[in-house]
Protein backbone atom coordinates (compact mmCIF):
# COMPACT_ATOMS: atom_id res chain seq x y z
CA MET A 1 99.65 136.68 106.69
CA GLY A 2 101.93 136.65 109.67
CA GLY A 3 105.02 138.79 109.90
CA GLU A 4 107.65 139.54 112.49
CA PHE A 5 106.88 139.81 116.17
CA SER A 6 108.11 142.84 118.12
CA ALA A 7 110.61 142.61 120.97
CA ASP A 8 107.80 141.99 123.47
CA GLY A 9 106.51 139.02 121.45
CA THR A 10 103.43 140.68 119.96
CA ARG A 11 102.25 141.63 116.47
CA ARG A 12 99.28 143.83 115.61
CA ILE A 13 96.88 142.14 113.18
CA THR A 14 95.54 144.57 110.59
CA GLU A 15 94.00 142.18 108.03
CA CYS A 16 91.24 139.60 108.21
CA ARG A 17 92.89 136.23 108.76
CA LEU A 18 90.44 134.56 106.38
CA CYS A 19 89.63 136.98 103.55
CA GLY A 20 92.51 139.47 103.87
CA ALA A 21 90.32 142.59 104.03
CA ARG A 22 91.62 145.55 106.04
CA SER A 23 88.23 146.50 107.48
CA LEU A 24 88.52 145.38 111.10
CA SER A 25 86.46 147.01 113.85
CA GLU A 26 86.90 146.43 117.58
CA GLN A 27 84.09 144.57 119.36
CA VAL A 28 85.52 144.25 122.89
CA ASP A 29 88.77 145.15 124.66
CA PHE A 30 89.79 143.21 127.79
CA GLY A 31 92.97 145.22 128.28
CA ARG A 32 96.28 143.53 129.00
CA VAL A 33 95.95 139.97 130.30
CA PRO A 34 98.64 137.40 131.27
CA LEU A 35 98.92 134.24 129.18
CA GLY A 36 96.50 131.82 130.81
CA ASN A 37 98.79 128.79 130.47
CA ASN A 38 101.92 130.60 131.62
CA LEU A 39 101.89 129.01 135.07
CA GLN A 40 104.91 129.89 137.17
CA GLU A 41 107.00 128.06 139.77
CA THR A 42 106.91 130.85 142.37
CA GLU A 43 104.28 133.31 143.53
CA GLU A 44 106.63 136.20 142.85
CA ALA A 45 107.23 135.13 139.25
CA ALA A 46 103.50 134.59 138.75
CA ARG A 47 102.63 138.09 139.95
CA ALA A 48 105.30 139.51 137.62
CA ALA A 49 104.15 137.48 134.56
CA ALA A 50 103.98 139.52 131.37
CA ALA A 51 100.54 140.65 130.18
CA TYR A 52 99.54 141.17 126.55
CA PRO A 53 96.72 143.02 124.75
CA LEU A 54 93.51 141.03 124.38
CA ASN A 55 90.78 142.45 122.15
CA VAL A 56 88.32 141.02 119.62
CA MET A 57 87.89 142.52 116.15
CA ARG A 58 85.40 141.84 113.35
CA CYS A 59 85.96 141.92 109.60
CA GLY A 60 83.59 144.30 107.83
CA ASP A 61 83.80 142.25 104.61
CA CYS A 62 83.30 138.57 105.55
CA GLY A 63 82.23 138.93 109.19
CA HIS A 64 85.06 136.89 110.70
CA PHE A 65 85.95 137.57 114.36
CA GLN A 66 89.60 137.54 115.47
CA LEU A 67 92.04 139.04 117.93
CA GLY A 68 93.64 142.39 117.17
CA TRP A 69 97.03 141.22 118.47
CA ALA A 70 98.97 137.97 118.06
CA VAL A 71 101.44 136.62 120.61
CA ASP A 72 104.48 134.69 119.41
CA PRO A 73 103.45 130.97 119.33
CA ARG A 74 106.77 130.06 120.95
CA LEU A 75 105.61 131.93 124.06
CA LEU A 76 102.21 130.25 123.97
CA TYR A 77 102.96 126.60 123.29
CA ALA A 78 106.51 125.44 122.98
CA THR A 79 107.74 125.55 126.58
CA ASN A 80 105.06 125.93 129.23
CA TYR A 81 101.82 124.49 127.82
CA THR A 82 100.11 122.15 130.28
CA TYR A 83 96.58 121.58 128.96
CA LEU A 84 95.70 117.89 128.56
CA SER A 85 92.64 116.69 126.61
CA GLY A 86 92.35 113.50 128.64
CA ILE A 87 91.66 115.22 131.97
CA GLY A 88 87.92 115.87 131.44
CA ALA A 89 85.79 112.70 131.54
CA SER A 90 83.02 114.24 129.44
CA PHE A 91 85.58 115.25 126.80
CA VAL A 92 86.86 111.67 126.61
CA ARG A 93 83.30 110.40 126.12
CA HIS A 94 82.79 113.03 123.42
CA PHE A 95 85.80 111.74 121.48
CA GLU A 96 84.54 108.16 121.67
CA ALA A 97 81.24 109.20 120.11
CA TYR A 98 83.02 111.44 117.61
CA ALA A 99 85.16 108.54 116.34
CA ASP A 100 82.06 106.46 115.66
CA TRP A 101 80.41 109.40 113.88
CA ALA A 102 83.45 110.16 111.72
CA ILE A 103 83.97 106.54 110.70
CA ALA A 104 80.32 106.24 109.66
CA GLN A 105 80.09 109.61 107.88
CA ALA A 106 83.35 109.24 105.96
CA GLY A 107 83.02 105.48 105.35
CA LEU A 108 86.44 104.82 106.89
CA GLN A 109 87.70 101.25 106.65
CA ALA A 110 90.22 99.41 108.83
CA GLY A 111 93.73 100.65 108.05
CA ALA A 112 92.61 104.11 106.91
CA LEU A 113 94.89 106.92 108.06
CA VAL A 114 93.49 109.50 110.49
CA VAL A 115 95.59 112.58 111.28
CA ASP A 116 94.79 114.93 114.16
CA VAL A 117 96.04 118.52 113.86
CA GLY A 118 96.80 119.78 117.36
CA SER A 119 96.48 116.30 118.83
CA ASN A 120 97.57 117.16 122.39
CA ASP A 121 97.95 113.96 124.44
CA GLY A 122 96.33 111.74 121.79
CA THR A 123 92.91 111.46 123.46
CA CYS A 124 91.02 112.04 120.20
CA LEU A 125 93.08 109.52 118.23
CA LYS A 126 92.89 106.77 120.83
CA PRO A 127 89.37 105.58 119.90
CA PHE A 128 90.22 105.66 116.18
CA LYS A 129 93.20 103.40 116.84
CA ALA A 130 91.06 101.10 118.98
CA ARG A 131 88.71 100.71 116.01
CA GLY A 132 91.48 99.50 113.70
CA LEU A 133 92.55 102.70 111.97
CA ARG A 134 96.08 104.01 111.61
CA VAL A 135 96.64 107.28 113.46
CA CYS A 136 99.15 110.10 113.59
CA GLY A 137 99.07 113.31 115.59
CA VAL A 138 100.85 116.65 115.26
CA ASP A 139 101.27 119.00 118.22
CA PRO A 140 103.87 121.66 119.10
CA ALA A 141 103.51 121.31 122.89
CA SER A 142 106.25 119.00 124.13
CA MET A 143 104.62 117.65 127.31
CA PRO A 144 101.30 116.47 125.81
CA ALA A 145 103.03 115.15 122.67
CA GLY A 146 105.41 113.16 124.85
CA ILE A 147 102.51 111.64 126.77
CA ALA A 148 100.83 110.64 123.49
CA ASN A 149 103.96 108.92 122.19
CA GLU A 150 104.44 107.10 125.50
CA ASN A 151 100.87 105.81 125.13
CA GLY A 152 101.44 104.49 121.62
CA ILE A 153 99.83 107.34 119.67
CA GLU A 154 102.48 108.41 117.17
CA THR A 155 102.79 112.19 117.44
CA LEU A 156 105.05 114.64 115.66
CA ASN A 157 106.10 117.32 118.16
CA ASP A 158 106.03 120.30 115.81
CA PHE A 159 103.80 123.04 114.45
CA PHE A 160 101.54 121.80 111.66
CA GLY A 161 102.42 123.03 108.18
CA ALA A 162 104.07 121.97 104.93
CA GLY A 163 106.96 120.32 106.77
CA ALA A 164 104.63 118.21 108.91
CA VAL A 165 102.65 117.20 105.82
CA GLU A 166 105.84 116.04 104.10
CA TRP A 167 106.87 114.06 107.19
CA ILE A 168 103.47 112.32 107.43
CA VAL A 169 103.17 111.54 103.72
CA GLU A 170 106.69 110.06 103.61
CA ARG A 171 105.91 107.77 106.54
CA HIS A 172 102.25 106.92 105.99
CA GLY A 173 100.99 108.30 102.67
CA GLN A 174 98.19 110.82 102.29
CA ALA A 175 95.42 110.88 104.89
CA ASP A 176 91.92 109.48 104.50
CA TYR A 177 90.59 111.69 107.27
CA VAL A 178 92.00 114.79 108.96
CA THR A 179 90.50 116.03 112.19
CA SER A 180 91.07 118.83 114.68
CA HIS A 181 89.33 119.89 117.88
CA ASN A 182 89.35 123.36 119.38
CA VAL A 183 92.68 124.00 117.66
CA LEU A 184 91.94 125.88 114.44
CA ALA A 185 91.27 128.98 116.48
CA HIS A 186 94.87 128.82 117.70
CA VAL A 187 97.14 128.66 114.65
CA ASP A 188 99.12 131.72 113.61
CA ASP A 189 98.91 131.01 109.86
CA LEU A 190 95.26 129.98 109.53
CA LYS A 191 95.04 130.10 105.75
CA GLY A 192 98.32 128.21 105.41
CA THR A 193 97.06 125.53 107.79
CA PHE A 194 93.88 124.98 105.79
CA ALA A 195 95.95 124.73 102.60
CA ALA A 196 98.30 122.20 104.24
CA ILE A 197 95.34 120.07 105.39
CA HIS A 198 94.01 120.12 101.83
CA ALA A 199 97.40 118.92 100.56
CA LEU A 200 97.62 116.17 103.21
CA LEU A 201 94.27 114.64 102.24
CA LYS A 202 93.76 112.15 99.45
CA ASP A 203 91.36 113.18 96.70
CA GLY A 204 87.97 112.26 98.11
CA GLY A 205 89.31 112.35 101.66
CA HIS A 206 87.37 113.99 104.47
CA PHE A 207 88.18 116.84 106.84
CA GLY A 208 86.11 116.97 110.01
CA PHE A 209 86.78 119.51 112.73
CA GLU A 210 85.27 121.24 115.72
CA ILE A 211 85.92 124.75 116.92
CA GLY A 212 84.27 127.07 119.39
CA TYR A 213 81.18 128.56 117.77
CA PHE A 214 81.17 132.28 118.40
CA ARG A 215 77.42 132.52 117.90
CA GLU A 216 77.07 130.26 120.97
CA VAL A 217 79.62 132.31 122.89
CA LEU A 218 77.49 135.39 122.30
CA ARG A 219 74.20 133.62 123.00
CA THR A 220 75.32 132.02 126.27
CA GLY A 221 77.63 134.76 127.51
CA CYS A 222 80.57 132.34 127.74
CA PHE A 223 83.11 134.99 126.77
CA ASP A 224 85.99 133.37 128.68
CA THR A 225 87.04 131.32 125.67
CA THR A 226 88.67 134.61 124.64
CA TYR A 227 92.38 134.26 125.29
CA HIS A 228 95.66 134.74 123.47
CA GLU A 229 95.85 131.19 122.13
CA HIS A 230 92.51 131.75 120.38
CA LEU A 231 93.36 134.06 117.50
CA ASP A 232 90.06 133.35 115.75
CA TYR A 233 86.41 133.23 116.89
CA HIS A 234 84.66 131.23 114.24
CA THR A 235 81.24 131.34 112.68
CA ALA A 236 80.08 129.22 109.77
CA ALA A 237 79.72 131.69 106.89
CA PRO A 238 83.31 133.04 106.77
CA LEU A 239 84.70 129.50 107.12
CA VAL A 240 82.51 128.11 104.36
CA ARG A 241 83.44 130.99 102.05
CA HIS A 242 87.14 130.23 102.53
CA LEU A 243 87.00 126.42 102.50
CA THR A 244 84.82 126.11 99.41
CA GLY A 245 87.33 128.41 97.71
CA LEU A 246 90.03 125.82 98.45
CA GLY A 247 87.95 123.10 96.76
CA PHE A 248 86.25 121.48 99.75
CA ASP A 249 82.63 120.41 99.53
CA VAL A 250 80.69 121.27 102.71
CA LEU A 251 78.71 118.16 103.64
CA ASP A 252 77.42 119.12 107.06
CA LEU A 253 77.38 121.87 109.69
CA SER A 254 76.12 121.29 113.23
CA VAL A 255 76.49 122.54 116.80
CA ASN A 256 77.18 120.58 119.98
CA ALA A 257 77.52 121.55 123.64
CA VAL A 258 81.25 120.80 124.01
CA GLN A 259 83.36 123.64 125.49
CA GLY A 260 80.35 125.89 125.87
CA GLY A 261 79.20 125.40 122.26
CA SER A 262 81.22 124.03 119.33
CA LEU A 263 80.68 124.18 115.58
CA ARG A 264 81.33 120.89 113.75
CA LEU A 265 82.10 120.91 110.02
CA LEU A 266 82.39 117.91 107.72
CA LEU A 267 84.13 118.55 104.38
CA LYS A 268 85.26 116.47 101.43
CA LYS A 269 88.18 117.19 99.13
CA THR A 270 86.68 117.25 95.64
CA GLY A 271 87.76 120.49 93.99
CA ASP A 272 84.14 121.50 93.45
CA GLY A 273 83.35 123.66 96.48
CA THR A 274 79.67 122.71 96.70
CA ILE A 275 77.42 123.15 99.74
CA ALA A 276 74.98 120.38 100.73
CA PRO A 277 71.34 121.42 101.38
CA GLN A 278 71.52 120.77 105.14
CA ALA A 279 74.67 122.90 105.38
CA GLN A 280 73.02 125.70 103.41
CA ALA A 281 70.04 125.60 105.77
CA PHE A 282 72.46 126.10 108.68
CA LEU A 283 74.03 129.08 106.92
CA ASP A 284 70.63 130.61 106.24
CA ASP A 285 69.72 130.33 109.91
CA GLU A 286 73.03 131.89 110.95
CA ALA A 287 72.38 134.85 108.64
CA ARG A 288 69.21 135.59 110.64
CA SER A 289 70.91 135.26 114.06
CA ILE A 290 72.23 137.60 116.76
CA LEU A 291 75.50 137.80 114.81
CA HIS A 292 73.74 140.40 112.68
CA ASP A 293 71.86 142.16 115.49
CA ASP A 294 73.62 145.50 116.08
CA ALA A 295 71.84 146.15 119.39
CA PHE A 296 72.82 142.75 120.74
CA MET A 297 76.45 143.22 119.75
CA ALA A 298 76.55 146.68 121.36
CA ALA A 299 75.33 145.17 124.66
CA TRP A 300 77.91 142.36 124.67
CA LYS A 301 80.68 144.04 126.69
CA PRO A 302 78.37 145.68 129.27
CA GLY A 303 76.82 142.25 129.84
CA ILE A 304 80.26 140.75 130.49
CA ASP A 305 81.09 143.51 132.96
CA GLU A 306 77.88 142.94 134.90
CA ALA A 307 78.29 139.15 134.99
CA MET A 308 81.83 139.48 136.33
CA ARG A 309 80.75 142.04 138.93
CA ARG A 310 78.15 139.60 140.28
CA PHE A 311 80.64 136.71 140.24
CA GLY A 312 83.36 138.73 141.98
CA ASP A 313 80.92 140.01 144.59
CA ALA A 314 79.75 136.46 145.38
CA VAL A 315 83.33 135.31 146.02
CA ARG A 316 84.33 138.44 147.95
CA GLU A 317 81.27 138.18 150.18
CA ARG A 318 82.31 134.71 151.30
CA ALA A 319 85.96 135.60 151.75
CA ALA A 320 85.02 138.70 153.77
CA ARG A 321 83.02 136.68 156.28
CA GLY A 322 86.00 134.37 156.84
CA ASP A 323 85.03 131.44 154.60
CA ARG A 324 87.87 129.41 153.13
CA VAL A 325 87.37 129.82 149.36
CA VAL A 326 89.12 127.33 147.07
CA GLY A 327 89.09 127.22 143.28
CA TYR A 328 88.52 123.99 141.34
CA GLY A 329 90.34 123.73 138.03
CA ALA A 330 93.02 125.97 136.54
CA PRO A 331 92.07 126.12 132.85
CA THR A 332 93.32 128.93 130.63
CA LYS A 333 90.00 130.74 131.08
CA ALA A 334 90.57 131.08 134.84
CA THR A 335 93.15 133.84 134.29
CA LEU A 336 90.67 136.08 132.46
CA LEU A 337 87.85 135.27 134.89
CA MET A 338 89.99 136.26 137.87
CA LYS A 339 91.18 139.46 136.20
CA LEU A 340 87.71 140.66 135.21
CA ALA A 341 86.16 139.67 138.55
CA GLY A 342 89.00 141.31 140.50
CA LEU A 343 89.97 138.13 142.38
CA GLY A 344 93.35 137.18 143.82
CA THR A 345 94.99 135.58 146.85
CA ASP A 346 92.90 137.69 149.25
CA GLU A 347 89.76 135.95 148.01
CA VAL A 348 90.91 132.54 146.69
CA ALA A 349 93.26 130.58 148.96
CA CYS A 350 94.32 128.09 146.29
CA ILE A 351 93.08 126.22 143.24
CA VAL A 352 92.89 122.43 143.21
CA GLU A 353 93.68 120.77 139.91
CA ASP A 354 93.54 117.19 138.59
CA ASN A 355 96.30 117.80 136.02
CA ALA A 356 99.60 116.90 137.71
CA LEU A 357 101.51 119.13 135.27
CA LYS A 358 99.84 122.20 136.79
CA GLN A 359 100.15 121.23 140.44
CA GLY A 360 102.78 123.10 142.44
CA ARG A 361 102.63 126.12 140.15
CA PHE A 362 101.03 129.55 140.51
CA MET A 363 98.40 131.40 138.47
CA PRO A 364 99.81 134.16 136.25
CA GLY A 365 98.96 137.67 137.37
CA THR A 366 97.52 136.74 140.79
CA GLY A 367 100.00 134.24 142.21
CA VAL A 368 97.23 131.95 143.50
CA PRO A 369 98.82 128.53 144.21
CA ILE A 370 97.69 125.41 142.32
CA VAL A 371 97.61 122.24 144.40
CA ALA A 372 96.62 118.60 143.99
CA THR A 373 92.92 117.78 144.24
CA LYS A 374 93.63 115.47 147.19
CA THR A 375 94.31 118.65 149.21
CA LEU A 376 90.53 118.91 149.62
CA GLU A 377 90.68 115.91 151.94
CA THR A 378 92.69 117.84 154.55
CA GLU A 379 91.94 121.48 153.74
CA ARG A 380 88.17 121.54 153.95
CA PRO A 381 86.73 124.44 151.89
CA ASP A 382 83.65 126.45 152.80
CA ALA A 383 83.18 127.47 149.16
CA LEU A 384 84.46 126.06 145.89
CA VAL A 385 84.77 128.29 142.82
CA ILE A 386 84.42 126.05 139.75
CA PHE A 387 86.72 127.82 137.31
CA ALA A 388 86.54 124.79 134.99
CA TRP A 389 82.81 125.50 134.70
CA ASN A 390 82.44 123.61 131.41
CA PHE A 391 83.10 120.45 133.45
CA ALA A 392 80.97 121.62 136.39
CA ASP A 393 78.55 118.69 136.24
CA ASP A 394 81.44 116.17 136.27
CA ILE A 395 83.11 118.00 139.17
CA LEU A 396 79.95 118.40 141.25
CA ALA A 397 79.07 114.72 140.77
CA LYS A 398 82.56 113.75 141.96
CA LEU A 399 82.23 115.97 145.05
CA LYS A 400 78.66 115.00 145.91
CA GLY A 401 78.22 114.41 149.62
CA ARG A 402 81.86 115.08 150.52
CA PHE A 403 81.51 118.60 151.91
CA ASP A 404 78.34 119.06 153.92
CA GLY A 405 77.53 122.75 154.13
CA ALA A 406 80.03 123.85 151.49
CA GLU A 407 78.89 125.92 148.53
CA ALA A 408 79.91 125.60 144.88
CA ILE A 409 80.07 128.82 142.84
CA VAL A 410 79.80 128.29 139.07
CA PRO A 411 80.48 131.57 137.20
CA LEU A 412 79.14 130.75 133.72
CA PRO A 413 77.06 130.44 131.57
CA GLU A 414 75.02 132.03 134.36
CA LEU A 415 76.17 132.50 137.94
CA ARG A 416 74.81 129.70 140.09
CA ILE A 417 75.50 128.70 143.68
CA GLU A 418 74.65 125.23 144.90
CA ARG A 419 75.71 122.61 147.42
CA PRO A 420 77.62 119.63 146.03
């Protein structure tokens, strides 16, 4: 897996990233899209930001979904990555509950070692540490890793792999529990990462992780989790096939509402590769789902086009009548949403953002400026476009009563317009 990237930083992917089969078929093509996290310091640079192919393929053998092109990870993460896990209040609450669940399910005792792969700013590890466990994170993005270390969450600023495993084991020993959240769709060497996690764990250790569940993406229409950082679009069956082959037992499979629908897996390193009854029941249900409905899959892209037409029209209508339209939140998904809806500086005056690392920059492709949320106090909007729609309830609650007469436009899962 892997290989050299071309001069423009891309590499065509011709094999399934899980089973290695060369039977990929295209499901949707979004064209060339700028990197969603490649925020620029000037409007000119933002408008000139490089765009890369973005299409989703499916393996004809194991059913795994993945991108047809990879972008060099050094372009994606190492220099200009500004996402922070700790920004969303609901996400922080989710991690608190997750820590309690993991400790109970895996029987973790005080002093056990928990390692987070793709740990970002340490938000996931913080509640584990507060409950008396030892923690260590690994993340290649320098800004979030630096924040984690400053906050006392030891974090190796590097890509996870054999070298990171050696570093952790030398310092702390093998892990009792390895976790990862919305990261194992990102890694360039997916099979190598799973093998490294297996090596990092003690015999009998547990591996619990969450990733976007592509069945939920299809069911809800929340296609905007498709971006260059997400090389893989996971469903349970291909993952279970691969992980049991490594020697993990599958103890549990479940779905939660985080990030528009996430799949949670709980595994144990035994060498047996067994599947618990409740996990098998989940797999049986998945086998009867829309993932295997040819008519549904054929209608996926036309449905996206129609949803984005309605969203774009709603924003353009307000801009055309002279309303001041402001975006709220500049997540990675906002770049794809704006491209497909045909929005730019003519429609959206600026985007307010809680993350200070993004403030003062400009959206790639459109050049829309990103400003501090406090700007809303002086620049009263007539309409707010909630690009960070997965946190819409948090945002609307925070804005409640502050802007009489203003409208909030939430693009997904279904377009809704309401007054905060």
